[in-house]
C-alpha atoms as a PDB file:
ATOM      1  CA  MET A   1       0.024   0.073   0.132  1.00  0.00           C
ATOM      2  CA  ILE A   2       1.333   3.554  -0.765  1.00  0.00           C
ATOM      3  CA  ALA A   3       0.915   6.089   2.139  1.00  0.00           C
ATOM      4  CA  THR A   4       2.684   8.875   0.708  1.00  0.00           C
ATOM      5  CA  LEU A   5       4.320   9.805  -2.271  1.00  0.00           C
ATOM      6  CA  THR A   6       7.035  12.345  -2.992  1.00  0.00           C
ATOM      7  CA  GLY A   7       8.417  13.271  -6.339  1.00  0.00           C
ATOM      8  CA  ARG A   8       8.483  15.838  -9.495  1.00  0.00           C
ATOM      9  CA  VAL A   9       5.477  16.777 -11.132  1.00  0.00           C
ATOM     10  CA  ILE A  10       5.385  15.668 -14.637  1.00  0.00           C
ATOM     11  CA  ARG A  11       1.893  16.637 -15.649  1.00  0.00           C
ATOM     12  CA  LYS A  12      -1.334  18.094 -14.240  1.00  0.00           C
ATOM     13  CA  LEU A  13      -4.917  17.972 -15.185  1.00  0.00           C
ATOM     14  CA  ASP A  14      -7.964  19.558 -13.707  1.00  0.00           C
ATOM     15  CA  ASP A  15      -8.607  16.915 -11.114  1.00  0.00           C
ATOM     16  CA  ARG A  16      -5.436  14.476 -11.478  1.00  0.00           C
ATOM     17  CA  ILE A  17      -1.547  15.137 -11.268  1.00  0.00           C
ATOM     18  CA  VAL A  18       1.385  12.716 -12.211  1.00  0.00           C
ATOM     19  CA  ILE A  19       4.254  12.391  -9.973  1.00  0.00           C
ATOM     20  CA  GLU A  20       7.518  10.790 -10.812  1.00  0.00           C
ATOM     21  CA  ALA A  21       9.092   9.040  -8.004  1.00  0.00           C
ATOM     22  CA  GLY A  22      11.785   6.449  -8.410  1.00  0.00           C
ATOM     23  CA  GLY A  23      11.546   6.495 -12.393  1.00  0.00           C
ATOM     24  CA  VAL A  24       7.978   5.881 -12.228  1.00  0.00           C
ATOM     25  CA  GLY A  25       4.881   8.012 -12.942  1.00  0.00           C
ATOM     26  CA  TYR A  26       2.056   7.702 -10.440  1.00  0.00           C
ATOM     27  CA  GLU A  27      -1.385   9.144 -11.443  1.00  0.00           C
ATOM     28  CA  VAL A  28      -3.053  10.663  -8.562  1.00  0.00           C
ATOM     29  CA  THR A  29      -6.546  11.932  -8.467  1.00  0.00           C
ATOM     30  CA  LEU A  30      -6.903  15.203  -6.568  1.00  0.00           C
ATOM     31  CA  PRO A  31     -10.172  16.189  -4.612  1.00  0.00           C
ATOM     32  CA  PRO A  32     -10.893  20.096  -5.538  1.00  0.00           C
ATOM     33  CA  ILE A  33      -9.494  20.961  -2.192  1.00  0.00           C
ATOM     34  CA  ALA A  34      -6.184  19.451  -2.908  1.00  0.00           C
ATOM     35  CA  SER A  35      -6.330  20.864  -6.588  1.00  0.00           C
ATOM     36  CA  ARG A  36      -6.798  24.362  -5.351  1.00  0.00           C
ATOM     37  CA  GLN A  37      -3.990  23.933  -2.906  1.00  0.00           C
ATOM     38  CA  LEU A  38      -1.624  23.010  -5.693  1.00  0.00           C
ATOM     39  CA  GLU A  39      -2.743  25.587  -8.113  1.00  0.00           C
ATOM     40  CA  HIS A  40       0.791  27.248  -8.138  1.00  0.00           C
ATOM     41  CA  VAL A  41       2.519  24.080  -8.851  1.00  0.00           C
ATOM     42  CA  THR A  42       3.875  23.441 -12.277  1.00  0.00           C
ATOM     43  CA  PRO A  43       5.057  20.351 -14.193  1.00  0.00           C
ATOM     44  CA  ASP A  44       8.815  20.286 -13.617  1.00  0.00           C
ATOM     45  CA  GLY A  45       8.575  23.705 -11.741  1.00  0.00           C
ATOM     46  CA  GLY A  46      11.882  24.464 -10.737  1.00  0.00           C
ATOM     47  CA  GLY A  47      12.717  20.691  -9.844  1.00  0.00           C
ATOM     48  CA  HIS A  48      11.085  20.965  -6.625  1.00  0.00           C
ATOM     49  CA  GLU A  49       9.461  17.969  -5.310  1.00  0.00           C
ATOM     50  CA  LEU A  50       5.726  17.510  -4.070  1.00  0.00           C
ATOM     51  CA  ARG A  51       4.623  15.337  -1.339  1.00  0.00           C
ATOM     52  CA  LEU A  52       1.310  14.028  -1.095  1.00  0.00           C
ATOM     53  CA  VAL A  53      -0.825  12.044   1.389  1.00  0.00           C
ATOM     54  CA  ILE A  54      -2.232   8.927  -0.227  1.00  0.00           C
ATOM     55  CA  TYR A  55      -5.416   6.932   0.075  1.00  0.00           C
ATOM     56  CA  TYR A  56      -4.801   3.861  -1.862  1.00  0.00           C
ATOM     57  CA  HIS A  57      -8.129   2.400  -3.218  1.00  0.00           C
ATOM     58  CA  ALA A  58      -8.543  -1.079  -4.752  1.00  0.00           C
ATOM     59  CA  THR A  59     -11.033  -3.687  -4.499  1.00  0.00           C
ATOM     60  CA  ARG A  60     -12.089  -7.098  -6.262  1.00  0.00           C
ATOM     61  CA  ASP A  61     -14.662  -5.335  -8.357  1.00  0.00           C
ATOM     62  CA  GLN A  62     -12.015  -2.430  -9.127  1.00  0.00           C
ATOM     63  CA  PRO A  63      -8.782  -4.019  -9.202  1.00  0.00           C
ATOM     64  CA  ARG A  64      -7.057  -1.192 -11.041  1.00  0.00           C
ATOM     65  CA  PRO A  65      -5.608   0.629  -7.950  1.00  0.00           C
ATOM     66  CA  VAL A  66      -6.759   4.328  -7.685  1.00  0.00           C
ATOM     67  CA  LEU A  67      -4.417   6.629  -5.747  1.00  0.00           C
ATOM     68  CA  ILE A  68      -6.154   9.639  -4.224  1.00  0.00           C
ATOM     69  CA  GLY A  69      -3.923  12.539  -2.948  1.00  0.00           C
ATOM     70  CA  PHE A  70      -4.125  15.119  -0.219  1.00  0.00           C
ATOM     71  CA  THR A  71      -1.643  17.778   0.946  1.00  0.00           C
ATOM     72  CA  ALA A  72      -2.413  17.260   4.446  1.00  0.00           C
ATOM     73  CA  GLU A  73      -2.829  14.278   6.938  1.00  0.00           C
ATOM     74  CA  LEU A  74      -5.910  16.034   8.475  1.00  0.00           C
ATOM     75  CA  ASP A  75      -7.744  16.169   4.993  1.00  0.00           C
ATOM     76  CA  LYS A  76      -7.196  12.342   4.506  1.00  0.00           C
ATOM     77  CA  GLU A  77      -8.173  11.531   7.980  1.00  0.00           C
ATOM     78  CA  PHE A  78     -11.644  13.446   7.370  1.00  0.00           C
ATOM     79  CA  PHE A  79     -12.011  11.559   3.964  1.00  0.00           C
ATOM     80  CA  GLU A  80     -11.572   8.422   5.540  1.00  0.00           C
ATOM     81  CA  LYS A  81     -14.661   9.409   7.985  1.00  0.00           C
ATOM     82  CA  LEU A  82     -16.720  10.116   4.781  1.00  0.00           C
ATOM     83  CA  ILE A  83     -16.108   7.049   3.095  1.00  0.00           C
ATOM     84  CA  ASP A  84     -17.551   5.044   6.398  1.00  0.00           C
ATOM     85  CA  VAL A  85     -20.969   6.569   5.645  1.00  0.00           C
ATOM     86  CA  LYS A  86     -23.281   4.355   3.761  1.00  0.00           C
ATOM     87  CA  ASP A  87     -23.384   5.046   0.167  1.00  0.00           C
ATOM     88  CA  VAL A  88     -20.423   7.225  -0.128  1.00  0.00           C
ATOM     89  CA  GLY A  89     -17.425   5.462  -1.802  1.00  0.00           C
ATOM     90  CA  PRO A  90     -13.830   7.009  -2.195  1.00  0.00           C
ATOM     91  CA  MET A  91     -14.584   8.793  -5.347  1.00  0.00           C
ATOM     92  CA  ALA A  92     -18.062  10.226  -4.375  1.00  0.00           C
ATOM     93  CA  ALA A  93     -16.167  11.642  -1.106  1.00  0.00           C
ATOM     94  CA  ALA A  94     -13.209  12.864  -2.987  1.00  0.00           C
ATOM     95  CA  ARG A  95     -15.515  14.961  -5.381  1.00  0.00           C
ATOM     96  CA  ALA A  96     -17.563  16.001  -2.207  1.00  0.00           C
ATOM     97  CA  LEU A  97     -14.404  17.743  -0.976  1.00  0.00           C
ATOM     98  CA  ALA A  98     -15.104  20.953  -2.602  1.00  0.00           C
ATOM     99  CA  ALA A  99     -14.952  23.255   0.455  1.00  0.00           C
ATOM    100  CA  PRO A 100     -12.509  23.228   3.148  1.00  0.00           C
ATOM    101  CA  VAL A 101     -12.584  20.237   5.515  1.00  0.00           C
ATOM    102  CA  PRO A 102     -13.372  22.446   8.597  1.00  0.00           C
ATOM    103  CA  GLU A 103     -16.246  24.317   7.029  1.00  0.00           C
ATOM    104  CA  ILE A 104     -17.604  20.674   5.709  1.00  0.00           C
ATOM    105  CA  ALA A 105     -17.284  19.398   9.519  1.00  0.00           C
ATOM    106  CA  GLN A 106     -18.988  22.535  10.921  1.00  0.00           C
ATOM    107  CA  ALA A 107     -21.977  21.785   8.592  1.00  0.00           C
ATOM    108  CA  ILE A 108     -22.114  18.268   9.630  1.00  0.00           C
ATOM    109  CA  ALA A 109     -21.824  19.340  13.150  1.00  0.00           C
ATOM    110  CA  ARG A 110     -24.832  21.580  13.129  1.00  0.00           C
ATOM    111  CA  GLY A 111     -26.710  19.002  10.998  1.00  0.00           C
ATOM    112  CA  ASP A 112     -26.939  21.178   8.057  1.00  0.00           C
ATOM    113  CA  GLU A 113     -28.195  18.998   5.301  1.00  0.00           C
ATOM    114  CA  LYS A 114     -28.921  21.983   2.692  1.00  0.00           C
ATOM    115  CA  TYR A 115     -25.169  22.841   2.962  1.00  0.00           C
ATOM    116  CA  LEU A 116     -24.093  19.058   2.274  1.00  0.00           C
ATOM    117  CA  ARG A 117     -26.363  18.746  -0.741  1.00  0.00           C
ATOM    118  CA  ALA A 118     -24.756  21.738  -2.348  1.00  0.00           C
ATOM    119  CA  LEU A 119     -21.427  19.611  -2.130  1.00  0.00           C
ATOM    120  CA  PRO A 120     -20.872  17.722  -5.504  1.00  0.00           C
ATOM    121  CA  GLY A 121     -22.171  14.316  -5.675  1.00  0.00           C
ATOM    122  CA  ILE A 122     -24.160  14.570  -2.365  1.00  0.00           C
ATOM    123  CA  GLY A 123     -28.051  14.299  -2.769  1.00  0.00           C
ATOM    124  CA  PRO A 124     -30.582  14.176   0.074  1.00  0.00           C
ATOM    125  CA  GLN A 125     -30.212  10.726   1.099  1.00  0.00           C
ATOM    126  CA  LYS A 126     -26.240  10.711   1.271  1.00  0.00           C
ATOM    127  CA  ALA A 127     -26.541  14.263   3.349  1.00  0.00           C
ATOM    128  CA  LYS A 128     -29.065  12.556   5.807  1.00  0.00           C
ATOM    129  CA  ASN A 129     -26.679   9.601   6.080  1.00  0.00           C
ATOM    130  CA  ILE A 130     -23.506  11.997   6.480  1.00  0.00           C
ATOM    131  CA  VAL A 131     -25.363  13.719   9.419  1.00  0.00           C
ATOM    132  CA  ALA A 132     -26.737  10.591  10.920  1.00  0.00           C
ATOM    133  CA  GLN A 133     -23.295   8.877  11.178  1.00  0.00           C
ATOM    134  CA  LEU A 134     -20.944  11.605  11.579  1.00  0.00           C
ATOM    135  CA  GLN A 135     -22.694  14.446  13.490  1.00  0.00           C
ATOM    136  CA  GLY A 136     -21.031  13.816  16.871  1.00  0.00           C
ATOM    137  CA  LYS A 137     -17.654  12.645  15.475  1.00  0.00           C
ATOM    138  CA  VAL A 138     -16.350  15.643  13.388  1.00  0.00           C
ATOM    139  CA  ALA A 139     -15.535  18.165  16.251  1.00  0.00           C
ATOM    140  CA  LYS A 140     -11.858  17.948  15.811  1.00  0.00           C
ATOM    141  CA  PHE A 141     -11.917  18.856  12.196  1.00  0.00           C
ATOM    142  CA  ALA A 142     -14.452  21.534  12.569  1.00  0.00           C
ATOM    143  CA  LEU A 143     -11.733  23.157  15.323  1.00  0.00           C
ATOM    144  CA  ALA A 144      -8.995  23.452  12.805  1.00  0.00           C
ATOM    145  CA  ARG A 145      -9.868  27.061  12.392  1.00  0.00           C
ATOM    146  CA  ALA A 146     -11.604  27.784  15.591  1.00  0.00           C
ATOM    147  CA  GLY A 147     -12.452  31.566  15.973  1.00  0.00           C
ATOM    148  CA  GLY A 148     -11.223  31.989  19.426  1.00  0.00           C
ATOM    149  CA  ALA A 149     -10.208  30.510  22.716  1.00  0.00           C
ATOM    150  CA  ALA A 150     -12.694  29.903  25.665  1.00  0.00           C
ATOM    151  CA  GLU A 151     -11.796  31.553  29.071  1.00  0.00           C
ATOM    152  CA  PRO A 152      -9.181  29.758  30.995  1.00  0.00           C
ATOM    153  CA  GLU A 153     -10.089  28.473  34.464  1.00  0.00           C
ATOM    154  CA  PRO A 154      -8.487  30.720  37.193  1.00  0.00           C
ATOM    155  CA  GLY A 155      -5.977  28.605  39.304  1.00  0.00           C
ATOM    156  CA  PRO A 156      -5.232  25.113  39.103  1.00  0.00           C
ATOM    157  CA  ARG A 157      -7.092  22.087  40.179  1.00  0.00           C
ATOM    158  CA  ALA A 158      -6.264  18.395  40.557  1.00  0.00           C
ATOM    159  CA  THR A 159      -6.979  16.164  37.451  1.00  0.00           C
ATOM    160  CA  THR A 160      -7.566  12.402  37.450  1.00  0.00           C
ATOM    161  CA  PRO A 161      -5.098  10.077  35.450  1.00  0.00           C
ATOM    162  CA  THR A 162      -7.719   9.603  32.783  1.00  0.00           C
ATOM    163  CA  GLU A 163      -8.348  13.364  32.426  1.00  0.00           C
ATOM    164  CA  GLU A 164      -4.423  14.042  32.247  1.00  0.00           C
ATOM    165  CA  SER A 165      -3.941  11.729  29.551  1.00  0.00           C
ATOM    166  CA  LEU A 166      -7.112  13.103  27.761  1.00  0.00           C
ATOM    167  CA  ARG A 167      -5.574  16.408  27.927  1.00  0.00           C
ATOM    168  CA  GLU A 168      -2.300  15.504  26.672  1.00  0.00           C
ATOM    169  CA  LEU A 169      -3.721  13.787  23.649  1.00  0.00           C
ATOM    170  CA  VAL A 170      -6.142  16.373  22.614  1.00  0.00           C
ATOM    171  CA  TRP A 171      -3.713  19.169  23.341  1.00  0.00           C
ATOM    172  CA  ASP A 172      -1.163  17.283  21.013  1.00  0.00           C
ATOM    173  CA  VAL A 173      -3.894  17.390  18.373  1.00  0.00           C
ATOM    174  CA  LEU A 174      -4.755  20.796  18.604  1.00  0.00           C
ATOM    175  CA  VAL A 175      -1.338  22.128  18.457  1.00  0.00           C
ATOM    176  CA  LYS A 176       0.120  19.848  16.087  1.00  0.00           C
ATOM    177  CA  GLN A 177      -2.652  19.042  13.702  1.00  0.00           C
ATOM    178  CA  LEU A 178      -5.023  21.787  13.816  1.00  0.00           C
ATOM    179  CA  GLY A 179      -2.656  24.714  14.451  1.00  0.00           C
ATOM    180  CA  HIS A 180      -3.575  26.199  17.600  1.00  0.00           C
ATOM    181  CA  ARG A 181      -1.107  27.938  19.875  1.00  0.00           C
ATOM    182  CA  PRO A 182      -0.129  25.931  22.819  1.00  0.00           C
ATOM    183  CA  THR A 183      -1.493  28.305  25.310  1.00  0.00           C
ATOM    184  CA  GLU A 184      -4.671  28.530  23.706  1.00  0.00           C
ATOM    185  CA  ALA A 185      -4.997  24.742  23.263  1.00  0.00           C
ATOM    186  CA  SER A 186      -4.660  24.501  26.927  1.00  0.00           C
ATOM    187  CA  GLU A 187      -7.286  27.292  27.714  1.00  0.00           C
ATOM    188  CA  LEU A 188      -9.898  25.491  25.325  1.00  0.00           C
ATOM    189  CA  ILE A 189      -9.245  22.273  27.066  1.00  0.00           C
ATOM    190  CA  THR A 190      -9.462  23.752  30.433  1.00  0.00           C
ATOM    191  CA  ALA A 191     -12.718  25.628  29.843  1.00  0.00           C
ATOM    192  CA  ALA A 192     -14.123  22.595  28.336  1.00  0.00           C
ATOM    193  CA  PHE A 193     -13.600  20.513  31.438  1.00  0.00           C
ATOM    194  CA  LYS A 194     -14.801  23.142  33.629  1.00  0.00           C
ATOM    195  CA  ARG A 195     -18.112  23.393  31.591  1.00  0.00           C
ATOM    196  CA  ARG A 196     -18.503  19.603  31.553  1.00  0.00           C
ATOM    197  CA  PRO A 197     -16.696  17.642  34.374  1.00  0.00           C
ATOM    198  CA  GLY A 198     -16.409  13.854  33.750  1.00  0.00           C
ATOM    199  CA  ILE A 199     -15.543  13.581  30.289  1.00  0.00           C
ATOM    200  CA  GLU A 200     -14.119  10.248  29.489  1.00  0.00           C
ATOM    201  CA  THR A 201     -13.451   9.881  26.035  1.00  0.00           C
ATOM    202  CA  ALA A 202     -11.100  12.478  23.595  1.00  0.00           C
ATOM    203  CA  GLU A 203     -14.228  12.380  21.225  1.00  0.00           C
ATOM    204  CA  GLU A 204     -16.277  13.872  24.008  1.00  0.00           C
ATOM    205  CA  LEU A 205     -13.594  16.514  24.674  1.00  0.00           C
ATOM    206  CA  PHE A 206     -13.370  17.509  21.188  1.00  0.00           C
ATOM    207  CA  ASP A 207     -16.908  17.799  20.897  1.00  0.00           C
ATOM    208  CA  GLU A 208     -17.309  20.112  24.076  1.00  0.00           C
ATOM    209  CA  ILE A 209     -14.541  22.151  22.766  1.00  0.00           C
ATOM    210  CA  TYR A 210     -16.280  22.509  19.622  1.00  0.00           C
ATOM    211  CA  ARG A 211     -19.478  23.496  21.378  1.00  0.00           C
ATOM    212  CA  GLY A 212     -17.657  26.175  23.309  1.00  0.00           C
ATOM    213  CA  ALA A 213     -15.334  27.664  20.448  1.00  0.00           C
ATOM    214  CA  LYS A 214     -17.953  30.056  18.880  1.00  0.00           C
ATOM    215  CA  ILE A 215     -16.748  29.379  15.543  1.00  0.00           C
END
């Protein structure tokens, strides 16, 4: 399986790119968000190498492998959430990524089926399925460009081992994957626990952070 691909761009089309790595040219399908992020890239442009995160798709019914490329791990992770939804296959999910991932995730989180139906290839039933299956599971992605930090809790307080491990895990994601400042991430986490003591999972913590972030 191919997880990442780094090489020279030797051809570009609207929805595909060909990258040469190790003497082999790999044709990679690009979701619209990736295409826009790579608008500045030209074939053999300055000899610079391009690195893409790859989703490798091949099935018994479709034995010819399809490579779907993303510029960020977070975008691929969200894409993998989408393809878990009933009736949303890899190619449909790729076409649907026509808006920034945080924007789509925010629409899912608020149950906005009208917004989802406006995405390429997402009809009424797929929009319903996406909301039904993902509404409580996308807070992390919606937070990728949170509008502001919550108020920090004044003074330290004791934490349980479970809470401490959750803090470390979620802080790491907020800072290293979602681009928050370290102090902002700490404030968001502390405020979430203050509003809702007893959070037990990372998903619950991301969900509470999202609700309080005023995106």
